[in-house]
Amino acid sequence: MIPASFEYHRPKDIAGVLSLLKEHGDDARVMAGGHSLIPMMKLRMAHVPHLIDLQDVGGLSDITIAADAIRIGALVTQHDLIVHNELAQALPILREAALQIADPQVRYMGTVGGNVANGDPGNDMPGLMQCLDAVFTIEGPNGVRDVPARDFYEAAYMTAREDDEVLTAITIPKSAGGFAYEKQKRKIGDYATAAAAVLIVKDGGACASAAIAMTNLSDTPIFSESAAAALVGTTVDDTAIDAAVAAMLGDINPTEDNRGPVAFKIHVAGIILRRAIASAWSRA
């Protein structure tokens, strides 16, 4: 398919981006890597009279590792996460998750910012960012604001970002805990049937704190406080894991599609979450 005709804009800075968004309003869309928007335009599922490409905006491709936090620019690609050795040492779950996204061709161009910003419930990074308690930096005509990832997603393709705002960076606090990202998909390049991100901090042989989020099992990523609470204070034995899985299964709301019926997705979700909890605990 060929997209409908559109005007292509490539501003040099965020001020230029915001000016174009103000000028063209609902007729404008911002593009980072393009792996979500361009296919929708080709299928005529999205009509974008004015396409604003962020590739020439400076500072959006930086990765900064500080003592207590990591800041990732919106144009950092999945490939960048994989090959950045210092980042892999500081937060190895980012490489672990990025390696499970699509295929190398997509990872070379697909950006972290695009993955989290458009609200696609099948994307991998939104749930991971909720698990890691990340904060999204958004710039708009009224200035800069920070939105926690756990408050960002409202419904499928609906987020806390306004149409005249741009997500510019992601900040993730460092943690000494054990991480794991587990994903089941039909084939290489596909969205997850179910995926789980888990963070566990151990203290004296018991779980001191935990965070758990799952992907593509509702119209938003599911960050489950009750699933995490089921692990806290335990040695993460089978009973605790059973309780965490039961809590998460009570929070998700999958629908039937070409990845399987609801019962199958619930079954897969339980298996994937068990694997992720066990892996994170072994690394804690």
C-alpha atoms as a PDB file:
ATOM      1  CA  MET A   1       0.000   0.000   0.000  1.00  0.00           C
ATOM      2  CA  ILE A   2       0.988   3.605  -0.577  1.00  0.00           C
ATOM      3  CA  PRO A   3       0.124   6.260   2.023  1.00  0.00           C
ATOM      4  CA  ALA A   4      -2.006   9.252   1.186  1.00  0.00           C
ATOM      5  CA  SER A   5      -0.069  12.358   0.170  1.00  0.00           C
ATOM      6  CA  PHE A   6       1.533  14.331   2.995  1.00  0.00           C
ATOM      7  CA  GLU A   7       4.006  17.121   3.637  1.00  0.00           C
ATOM      8  CA  TYR A   8       7.287  16.091   5.217  1.00  0.00           C
ATOM      9  CA  HIS A   9       8.939  18.315   7.844  1.00  0.00           C
ATOM     10  CA  ARG A  10      12.390  17.820   9.408  1.00  0.00           C
ATOM     11  CA  PRO A  11      12.966  20.542  12.043  1.00  0.00           C
ATOM     12  CA  LYS A  12      16.325  21.030  13.732  1.00  0.00           C
ATOM     13  CA  ASP A  13      15.164  21.562  17.320  1.00  0.00           C
ATOM     14  CA  ILE A  14      12.243  21.012  19.678  1.00  0.00           C
ATOM     15  CA  ALA A  15      11.131  24.627  19.240  1.00  0.00           C
ATOM     16  CA  GLY A  16      10.694  23.933  15.542  1.00  0.00           C
ATOM     17  CA  VAL A  17       8.756  20.751  16.280  1.00  0.00           C
ATOM     18  CA  LEU A  18       6.392  22.533  18.662  1.00  0.00           C
ATOM     19  CA  SER A  19       5.915  25.368  16.188  1.00  0.00           C
ATOM     20  CA  LEU A  20       4.844  22.923  13.484  1.00  0.00           C
ATOM     21  CA  LEU A  21       2.498  21.136  15.884  1.00  0.00           C
ATOM     22  CA  LYS A  22       0.905  24.446  16.801  1.00  0.00           C
ATOM     23  CA  GLU A  23       0.598  25.507  13.164  1.00  0.00           C
ATOM     24  CA  HIS A  24      -0.934  22.306  11.827  1.00  0.00           C
ATOM     25  CA  GLY A  25      -2.822  21.020  14.884  1.00  0.00           C
ATOM     26  CA  ASP A  26      -4.592  17.698  14.393  1.00  0.00           C
ATOM     27  CA  ASP A  27      -3.179  17.392  10.865  1.00  0.00           C
ATOM     28  CA  ALA A  28       0.356  16.871  12.201  1.00  0.00           C
ATOM     29  CA  ARG A  29       2.017  13.818  13.711  1.00  0.00           C
ATOM     30  CA  VAL A  30       5.501  13.396  15.124  1.00  0.00           C
ATOM     31  CA  MET A  31       7.644  10.457  13.965  1.00  0.00           C
ATOM     32  CA  ALA A  32      10.686   9.027  15.706  1.00  0.00           C
ATOM     33  CA  GLY A  33      11.777   5.767  14.043  1.00  0.00           C
ATOM     34  CA  GLY A  34       8.560   5.329  12.071  1.00  0.00           C
ATOM     35  CA  HIS A  35       8.012   1.624  12.686  1.00  0.00           C
ATOM     36  CA  SER A  36       4.572   2.170  14.184  1.00  0.00           C
ATOM     37  CA  LEU A  37       3.317   5.189  12.251  1.00  0.00           C
ATOM     38  CA  ILE A  38       4.507   4.473   8.706  1.00  0.00           C
ATOM     39  CA  PRO A  39       2.818   1.025   8.444  1.00  0.00           C
ATOM     40  CA  MET A  40      -0.440   2.575   9.644  1.00  0.00           C
ATOM     41  CA  MET A  41      -0.103   5.316   7.021  1.00  0.00           C
ATOM     42  CA  LYS A  42       0.567   2.751   4.290  1.00  0.00           C
ATOM     43  CA  LEU A  43      -2.525   0.782   5.299  1.00  0.00           C
ATOM     44  CA  ARG A  44      -4.530   4.046   5.329  1.00  0.00           C
ATOM     45  CA  MET A  45      -5.312   3.463   8.997  1.00  0.00           C
ATOM     46  CA  ALA A  46      -3.723   6.831   9.783  1.00  0.00           C
ATOM     47  CA  HIS A  47      -4.070   9.971   7.668  1.00  0.00           C
ATOM     48  CA  VAL A  48      -1.233  12.402   8.388  1.00  0.00           C
ATOM     49  CA  PRO A  49      -1.230  15.523   6.209  1.00  0.00           C
ATOM     50  CA  HIS A  50       1.916  16.824   7.965  1.00  0.00           C
ATOM     51  CA  LEU A  51       4.613  14.373   9.087  1.00  0.00           C
ATOM     52  CA  ILE A  52       7.212  15.802  11.489  1.00  0.00           C
ATOM     53  CA  ASP A  53      10.426  13.763  11.589  1.00  0.00           C
ATOM     54  CA  LEU A  54      12.522  14.117  14.784  1.00  0.00           C
ATOM     55  CA  GLN A  55      15.739  12.659  13.347  1.00  0.00           C
ATOM     56  CA  ASP A  56      17.581  16.016  13.058  1.00  0.00           C
ATOM     57  CA  VAL A  57      16.646  17.248  16.549  1.00  0.00           C
ATOM     58  CA  GLY A  58      19.830  17.338  18.609  1.00  0.00           C
ATOM     59  CA  GLY A  59      20.216  15.694  22.013  1.00  0.00           C
ATOM     60  CA  LEU A  60      17.495  13.081  21.588  1.00  0.00           C
ATOM     61  CA  SER A  61      19.913  10.221  20.873  1.00  0.00           C
ATOM     62  CA  ASP A  62      21.950  10.515  24.065  1.00  0.00           C
ATOM     63  CA  ILE A  63      22.278   7.935  26.850  1.00  0.00           C
ATOM     64  CA  THR A  64      23.421   9.409  30.164  1.00  0.00           C
ATOM     65  CA  ILE A  65      24.331   7.190  33.129  1.00  0.00           C
ATOM     66  CA  ALA A  66      24.524   9.053  36.435  1.00  0.00           C
ATOM     67  CA  ALA A  67      25.045   7.794  39.970  1.00  0.00           C
ATOM     68  CA  ASP A  68      21.373   7.287  40.728  1.00  0.00           C
ATOM     69  CA  ALA A  69      19.566   7.300  37.388  1.00  0.00           C
ATOM     70  CA  ILE A  70      19.805   6.620  33.664  1.00  0.00           C
ATOM     71  CA  ARG A  71      18.455   9.069  31.085  1.00  0.00           C
ATOM     72  CA  ILE A  72      17.611   7.813  27.597  1.00  0.00           C
ATOM     73  CA  GLY A  73      16.801  10.196  24.758  1.00  0.00           C
ATOM     74  CA  ALA A  74      13.654   9.549  22.761  1.00  0.00           C
ATOM     75  CA  LEU A  75      15.590   8.736  19.562  1.00  0.00           C
ATOM     76  CA  VAL A  76      17.810   6.097  21.163  1.00  0.00           C
ATOM     77  CA  THR A  77      17.179   2.923  19.179  1.00  0.00           C
ATOM     78  CA  GLN A  78      16.677  -0.613  20.411  1.00  0.00           C
ATOM     79  CA  HIS A  79      20.032  -1.436  18.780  1.00  0.00           C
ATOM     80  CA  ASP A  80      21.659   1.328  20.837  1.00  0.00           C
ATOM     81  CA  LEU A  81      20.398  -0.343  24.018  1.00  0.00           C
ATOM     82  CA  ILE A  82      21.915  -3.634  22.927  1.00  0.00           C
ATOM     83  CA  VAL A  83      25.411  -2.396  22.012  1.00  0.00           C
ATOM     84  CA  HIS A  84      25.887   0.121  24.861  1.00  0.00           C
ATOM     85  CA  ASN A  85      28.065  -1.886  27.259  1.00  0.00           C
ATOM     86  CA  GLU A  86      28.002   0.611  30.128  1.00  0.00           C
ATOM     87  CA  LEU A  87      24.207   0.653  29.995  1.00  0.00           C
ATOM     88  CA  ALA A  88      24.126  -3.143  29.957  1.00  0.00           C
ATOM     89  CA  GLN A  89      26.212  -3.158  33.118  1.00  0.00           C
ATOM     90  CA  ALA A  90      24.036  -0.558  34.852  1.00  0.00           C
ATOM     91  CA  LEU A  91      20.636  -1.942  33.811  1.00  0.00           C
ATOM     92  CA  PRO A  92      20.961  -5.283  31.979  1.00  0.00           C
ATOM     93  CA  ILE A  93      17.212  -5.783  31.601  1.00  0.00           C
ATOM     94  CA  LEU A  94      17.162  -3.106  28.874  1.00  0.00           C
ATOM     95  CA  ARG A  95      19.425  -5.197  26.647  1.00  0.00           C
ATOM     96  CA  GLU A  96      17.532  -8.350  27.588  1.00  0.00           C
ATOM     97  CA  ALA A  97      14.220  -6.800  26.520  1.00  0.00           C
ATOM     98  CA  ALA A  98      15.555  -5.046  23.403  1.00  0.00           C
ATOM     99  CA  LEU A  99      16.954  -8.323  22.052  1.00  0.00           C
ATOM    100  CA  GLN A 100      13.412  -9.729  22.086  1.00  0.00           C
ATOM    101  CA  ILE A 101      11.872  -6.886  20.078  1.00  0.00           C
ATOM    102  CA  ALA A 102      11.099  -7.683  16.430  1.00  0.00           C
ATOM    103  CA  ASP A 103      14.251  -8.365  14.366  1.00  0.00           C
ATOM    104  CA  PRO A 104      17.625  -6.658  13.780  1.00  0.00           C
ATOM    105  CA  GLN A 105      16.331  -4.556  10.876  1.00  0.00           C
ATOM    106  CA  VAL A 106      13.585  -3.081  13.040  1.00  0.00           C
ATOM    107  CA  ARG A 107      15.862  -2.623  16.050  1.00  0.00           C
ATOM    108  CA  TYR A 108      18.312  -0.530  13.992  1.00  0.00           C
ATOM    109  CA  MET A 109      15.604   2.117  13.419  1.00  0.00           C
ATOM    110  CA  GLY A 110      12.912   1.524  16.052  1.00  0.00           C
ATOM    111  CA  THR A 111      13.288   3.997  18.911  1.00  0.00           C
ATOM    112  CA  VAL A 112      12.635   3.695  22.620  1.00  0.00           C
ATOM    113  CA  GLY A 113      10.692   6.956  22.584  1.00  0.00           C
ATOM    114  CA  GLY A 114       8.431   5.827  19.770  1.00  0.00           C
ATOM    115  CA  ASN A 115       7.875   2.481  21.453  1.00  0.00           C
ATOM    116  CA  VAL A 116       6.642   4.056  24.677  1.00  0.00           C
ATOM    117  CA  ALA A 117       4.919   7.177  23.332  1.00  0.00           C
ATOM    118  CA  ASN A 118       2.232   5.909  20.968  1.00  0.00           C
ATOM    119  CA  GLY A 119       0.351   3.769  23.486  1.00  0.00           C
ATOM    120  CA  ASP A 120       0.330   0.520  21.509  1.00  0.00           C
ATOM    121  CA  PRO A 121      -0.584  -2.189  24.074  1.00  0.00           C
ATOM    122  CA  GLY A 122       1.559  -4.704  22.191  1.00  0.00           C
ATOM    123  CA  ASN A 123       4.815  -2.779  22.512  1.00  0.00           C
ATOM    124  CA  ASP A 124       7.454  -4.159  24.864  1.00  0.00           C
ATOM    125  CA  MET A 125       8.898  -1.018  26.433  1.00  0.00           C
ATOM    126  CA  PRO A 126       5.779   0.446  28.125  1.00  0.00           C
ATOM    127  CA  GLY A 127       5.366  -2.435  30.578  1.00  0.00           C
ATOM    128  CA  LEU A 128       9.111  -2.618  31.164  1.00  0.00           C
ATOM    129  CA  MET A 129       9.214   1.115  31.946  1.00  0.00           C
ATOM    130  CA  GLN A 130       6.354   0.725  34.404  1.00  0.00           C
ATOM    131  CA  CYS A 131       8.201  -2.091  36.138  1.00  0.00           C
ATOM    132  CA  LEU A 132      11.339   0.069  36.378  1.00  0.00           C
ATOM    133  CA  ASP A 133       9.366   3.077  37.676  1.00  0.00           C
ATOM    134  CA  ALA A 134      10.573   5.219  34.781  1.00  0.00           C
ATOM    135  CA  VAL A 135       9.548   8.833  34.251  1.00  0.00           C
ATOM    136  CA  PHE A 136       8.790  10.304  30.825  1.00  0.00           C
ATOM    137  CA  THR A 137       9.850  13.871  30.050  1.00  0.00           C
ATOM    138  CA  ILE A 138       7.364  15.661  27.800  1.00  0.00           C
ATOM    139  CA  GLU A 139       7.812  19.071  26.176  1.00  0.00           C
ATOM    140  CA  GLY A 140       4.993  21.244  24.911  1.00  0.00           C
ATOM    141  CA  PRO A 141       3.851  24.837  24.487  1.00  0.00           C
ATOM    142  CA  ASN A 142       3.409  25.194  28.244  1.00  0.00           C
ATOM    143  CA  GLY A 143       6.892  23.952  29.074  1.00  0.00           C
ATOM    144  CA  VAL A 144       8.426  20.705  30.285  1.00  0.00           C
ATOM    145  CA  ARG A 145       6.709  18.189  32.540  1.00  0.00           C
ATOM    146  CA  ASP A 146       7.496  14.705  33.870  1.00  0.00           C
ATOM    147  CA  VAL A 147       4.934  11.904  33.873  1.00  0.00           C
ATOM    148  CA  PRO A 148       5.543   8.564  35.639  1.00  0.00           C
ATOM    149  CA  ALA A 149       5.266   5.610  33.268  1.00  0.00           C
ATOM    150  CA  ARG A 150       2.773   4.065  35.687  1.00  0.00           C
ATOM    151  CA  ASP A 151       0.416   7.022  35.104  1.00  0.00           C
ATOM    152  CA  PHE A 152       1.029   7.512  31.378  1.00  0.00           C
ATOM    153  CA  TYR A 153      -1.200   4.905  29.705  1.00  0.00           C
ATOM    154  CA  GLU A 154      -4.961   5.496  29.655  1.00  0.00           C
ATOM    155  CA  ALA A 155      -6.289   3.157  26.921  1.00  0.00           C
ATOM    156  CA  ALA A 156      -5.097   1.654  23.654  1.00  0.00           C
ATOM    157  CA  TYR A 157      -3.232   4.416  21.788  1.00  0.00           C
ATOM    158  CA  MET A 158      -4.344   6.955  24.405  1.00  0.00           C
ATOM    159  CA  THR A 159      -1.777   8.419  26.795  1.00  0.00           C
ATOM    160  CA  ALA A 160      -1.194  11.398  29.063  1.00  0.00           C
ATOM    161  CA  ARG A 161       0.750  13.140  26.272  1.00  0.00           C
ATOM    162  CA  GLU A 162      -1.259  15.907  24.599  1.00  0.00           C
ATOM    163  CA  ASP A 163      -1.315  16.225  20.801  1.00  0.00           C
ATOM    164  CA  ASP A 164       0.865  19.345  20.920  1.00  0.00           C
ATOM    165  CA  GLU A 165       3.500  17.715  23.147  1.00  0.00           C
ATOM    166  CA  VAL A 166       6.558  15.595  22.390  1.00  0.00           C
ATOM    167  CA  LEU A 167       8.146  12.898  24.552  1.00  0.00           C
ATOM    168  CA  THR A 168      11.852  13.766  24.645  1.00  0.00           C
ATOM    169  CA  ALA A 169      13.471  11.538  27.273  1.00  0.00           C
ATOM    170  CA  ILE A 170      13.033   8.661  29.709  1.00  0.00           C
ATOM    171  CA  THR A 171      14.636   8.606  33.148  1.00  0.00           C
ATOM    172  CA  ILE A 172      15.015   5.312  35.018  1.00  0.00           C
ATOM    173  CA  PRO A 173      16.193   5.086  38.640  1.00  0.00           C
ATOM    174  CA  LYS A 174      19.009   2.647  39.239  1.00  0.00           C
ATOM    175  CA  SER A 175      18.249  -0.439  41.305  1.00  0.00           C
ATOM    176  CA  ALA A 176      20.391  -3.157  42.836  1.00  0.00           C
ATOM    177  CA  GLY A 177      17.703  -5.780  42.405  1.00  0.00           C
ATOM    178  CA  GLY A 178      17.364  -8.767  40.116  1.00  0.00           C
ATOM    179  CA  PHE A 179      15.608  -8.187  36.783  1.00  0.00           C
ATOM    180  CA  ALA A 180      14.014 -10.393  34.159  1.00  0.00           C
ATOM    181  CA  TYR A 181      12.056  -9.889  30.938  1.00  0.00           C
ATOM    182  CA  GLU A 182      10.308 -12.959  29.541  1.00  0.00           C
ATOM    183  CA  LYS A 183       8.278 -13.002  26.331  1.00  0.00           C
ATOM    184  CA  GLN A 184       6.288 -15.564  24.364  1.00  0.00           C
ATOM    185  CA  LYS A 185       5.514 -14.839  20.723  1.00  0.00           C
ATOM    186  CA  ARG A 186       4.429 -16.846  17.700  1.00  0.00           C
ATOM    187  CA  LYS A 187       7.454 -16.047  15.552  1.00  0.00           C
ATOM    188  CA  ILE A 188      10.420 -13.704  15.270  1.00  0.00           C
ATOM    189  CA  GLY A 189       9.242 -10.148  14.757  1.00  0.00           C
ATOM    190  CA  ASP A 190       5.792 -10.626  16.257  1.00  0.00           C
ATOM    191  CA  TYR A 191       4.197  -8.861  19.172  1.00  0.00           C
ATOM    192  CA  ALA A 192       4.083 -10.806  22.425  1.00  0.00           C
ATOM    193  CA  THR A 193       1.276 -13.198  23.183  1.00  0.00           C
ATOM    194  CA  ALA A 194       2.316 -12.355  26.722  1.00  0.00           C
ATOM    195  CA  ALA A 195       5.408 -10.743  28.238  1.00  0.00           C
ATOM    196  CA  ALA A 196       6.453 -10.024  31.807  1.00  0.00           C
ATOM    197  CA  ALA A 197       8.939  -7.600  33.358  1.00  0.00           C
ATOM    198  CA  VAL A 198       9.956  -8.310  36.955  1.00  0.00           C
ATOM    199  CA  LEU A 199      12.224  -6.526  39.436  1.00  0.00           C
ATOM    200  CA  ILE A 200      12.998  -8.091  42.820  1.00  0.00           C
ATOM    201  CA  VAL A 201      15.172  -6.680  45.606  1.00  0.00           C
ATOM    202  CA  LYS A 202      16.400  -9.260  48.141  1.00  0.00           C
ATOM    203  CA  ASP A 203      17.337  -8.584  51.754  1.00  0.00           C
ATOM    204  CA  GLY A 204      18.479 -11.320  54.103  1.00  0.00           C
ATOM    205  CA  GLY A 205      17.142 -14.113  51.936  1.00  0.00           C
ATOM    206  CA  ALA A 206      13.665 -12.622  51.574  1.00  0.00           C
ATOM    207  CA  CYS A 207      12.034 -10.363  49.017  1.00  0.00           C
ATOM    208  CA  ALA A 208      12.264  -6.784  50.292  1.00  0.00           C
ATOM    209  CA  SER A 209      10.451  -5.193  47.347  1.00  0.00           C
ATOM    210  CA  ALA A 210       9.190  -6.117  43.910  1.00  0.00           C
ATOM    211  CA  ALA A 211       7.662  -4.650  40.759  1.00  0.00           C
ATOM    212  CA  ILE A 212       5.777  -6.602  38.101  1.00  0.00           C
ATOM    213  CA  ALA A 213       4.255  -5.521  34.779  1.00  0.00           C
ATOM    214  CA  MET A 214       2.868  -7.467  31.827  1.00  0.00           C
ATOM    215  CA  THR A 215       2.393  -6.650  28.152  1.00  0.00           C
ATOM    216  CA  ASN A 216      -0.314  -7.224  25.515  1.00  0.00           C
ATOM    217  CA  LEU A 217      -2.840  -8.649  27.951  1.00  0.00           C
ATOM    218  CA  SER A 218      -5.114  -5.603  28.143  1.00  0.00           C
ATOM    219  CA  ASP A 219      -5.568  -2.305  26.309  1.00  0.00           C
ATOM    220  CA  THR A 220      -2.707  -0.888  28.382  1.00  0.00           C
ATOM    221  CA  PRO A 221       0.363  -2.441  29.998  1.00  0.00           C
ATOM    222  CA  ILE A 222      -0.589  -3.875  33.391  1.00  0.00           C
ATOM    223  CA  PHE A 223       1.447  -2.830  36.410  1.00  0.00           C
ATOM    224  CA  SER A 224       0.179  -5.040  39.224  1.00  0.00           C
ATOM    225  CA  GLU A 225       0.818  -3.811  42.761  1.00  0.00           C
ATOM    226  CA  SER A 226      -1.004  -6.815  44.180  1.00  0.00           C
ATOM    227  CA  ALA A 227       1.184  -9.290  42.288  1.00  0.00           C
ATOM    228  CA  ALA A 228       4.322  -7.604  43.601  1.00  0.00           C
ATOM    229  CA  ALA A 229       2.918  -7.436  47.131  1.00  0.00           C
ATOM    230  CA  ALA A 230       2.405 -11.210  47.090  1.00  0.00           C
ATOM    231  CA  LEU A 231       6.184 -11.668  46.893  1.00  0.00           C
ATOM    232  CA  VAL A 232       7.273  -9.130  49.500  1.00  0.00           C
ATOM    233  CA  GLY A 233       8.405 -10.694  52.773  1.00  0.00           C
ATOM    234  CA  THR A 234       8.607 -14.185  51.302  1.00  0.00           C
ATOM    235  CA  THR A 235      11.452 -16.356  50.092  1.00  0.00           C
ATOM    236  CA  VAL A 236       9.729 -16.387  46.681  1.00  0.00           C
ATOM    237  CA  ASP A 237       8.796 -20.022  47.045  1.00  0.00           C
ATOM    238  CA  ASP A 238       6.106 -21.787  45.024  1.00  0.00           C
ATOM    239  CA  THR A 239       3.334 -20.551  47.310  1.00  0.00           C
ATOM    240  CA  ALA A 240       4.404 -16.925  46.899  1.00  0.00           C
ATOM    241  CA  ILE A 241       4.774 -17.280  43.134  1.00  0.00           C
ATOM    242  CA  ASP A 242       1.331 -18.905  42.923  1.00  0.00           C
ATOM    243  CA  ALA A 243      -0.124 -15.942  44.818  1.00  0.00           C
ATOM    244  CA  ALA A 244       1.638 -13.428  42.559  1.00  0.00           C
ATOM    245  CA  VAL A 245       0.435 -15.161  39.406  1.00  0.00           C
ATOM    246  CA  ALA A 246      -3.126 -15.343  40.724  1.00  0.00           C
ATOM    247  CA  ALA A 247      -3.040 -11.636  41.540  1.00  0.00           C
ATOM    248  CA  MET A 248      -1.766 -10.718  38.075  1.00  0.00           C
ATOM    249  CA  LEU A 249      -4.317 -12.937  36.333  1.00  0.00           C
ATOM    250  CA  GLY A 250      -6.976 -11.021  38.213  1.00  0.00           C
ATOM    251  CA  ASP A 251      -5.650  -7.739  36.804  1.00  0.00           C
ATOM    252  CA  ILE A 252      -5.257  -8.586  33.120  1.00  0.00           C
ATOM    253  CA  ASN A 253      -8.078  -8.515  30.590  1.00  0.00           C
ATOM    254  CA  PRO A 254      -6.954 -10.200  27.352  1.00  0.00           C
ATOM    255  CA  THR A 255      -9.102 -10.435  24.238  1.00  0.00           C
ATOM    256  CA  GLU A 256      -9.200 -13.088  21.537  1.00  0.00           C
ATOM    257  CA  ASP A 257      -7.227 -12.346  18.373  1.00  0.00           C
ATOM    258  CA  ASN A 258      -4.881 -14.095  15.946  1.00  0.00           C
ATOM    259  CA  ARG A 259      -2.508 -14.841  18.839  1.00  0.00           C
ATOM    260  CA  GLY A 260      -5.075 -17.087  20.473  1.00  0.00           C
ATOM    261  CA  PRO A 261      -8.264 -17.277  22.516  1.00  0.00           C
ATOM    262  CA  VAL A 262      -8.586 -15.725  25.945  1.00  0.00           C
ATOM    263  CA  ALA A 263      -8.045 -18.990  27.840  1.00  0.00           C
ATOM    264  CA  PHE A 264      -4.793 -19.627  25.969  1.00  0.00           C
ATOM    265  CA  LYS A 265      -3.494 -16.124  26.670  1.00  0.00           C
ATOM    266  CA  ILE A 266      -4.267 -16.460  30.369  1.00  0.00           C
ATOM    267  CA  HIS A 267      -2.432 -19.800  30.435  1.00  0.00           C
ATOM    268  CA  VAL A 268       0.604 -18.333  28.649  1.00  0.00           C
ATOM    269  CA  ALA A 269       0.586 -15.272  30.920  1.00  0.00           C
ATOM    270  CA  GLY A 270       0.864 -17.494  33.989  1.00  0.00           C
ATOM    271  CA  ILE A 271       3.763 -19.487  32.563  1.00  0.00           C
ATOM    272  CA  ILE A 272       5.682 -16.409  31.395  1.00  0.00           C
ATOM    273  CA  LEU A 273       5.228 -14.642  34.719  1.00  0.00           C
ATOM    274  CA  ARG A 274       6.462 -17.687  36.659  1.00  0.00           C
ATOM    275  CA  ARG A 275       9.581 -17.800  34.502  1.00  0.00           C
ATOM    276  CA  ALA A 276      10.239 -14.097  34.932  1.00  0.00           C
ATOM    277  CA  ILE A 277       9.820 -14.195  38.725  1.00  0.00           C
ATOM    278  CA  ALA A 278      12.101 -17.222  39.040  1.00  0.00           C
ATOM    279  CA  SER A 279      14.751 -15.619  36.838  1.00  0.00           C
ATOM    280  CA  ALA A 280      14.642 -12.265  38.640  1.00  0.00           C
ATOM    281  CA  TRP A 281      14.865 -13.983  42.036  1.00  0.00           C
ATOM    282  CA  SER A 282      17.883 -16.002  40.946  1.00  0.00           C
ATOM    283  CA  ARG A 283      19.625 -12.756  39.962  1.00  0.00           C
ATOM    284  CA  ALA A 284      18.601 -10.721  43.010  1.00  0.00           C
END
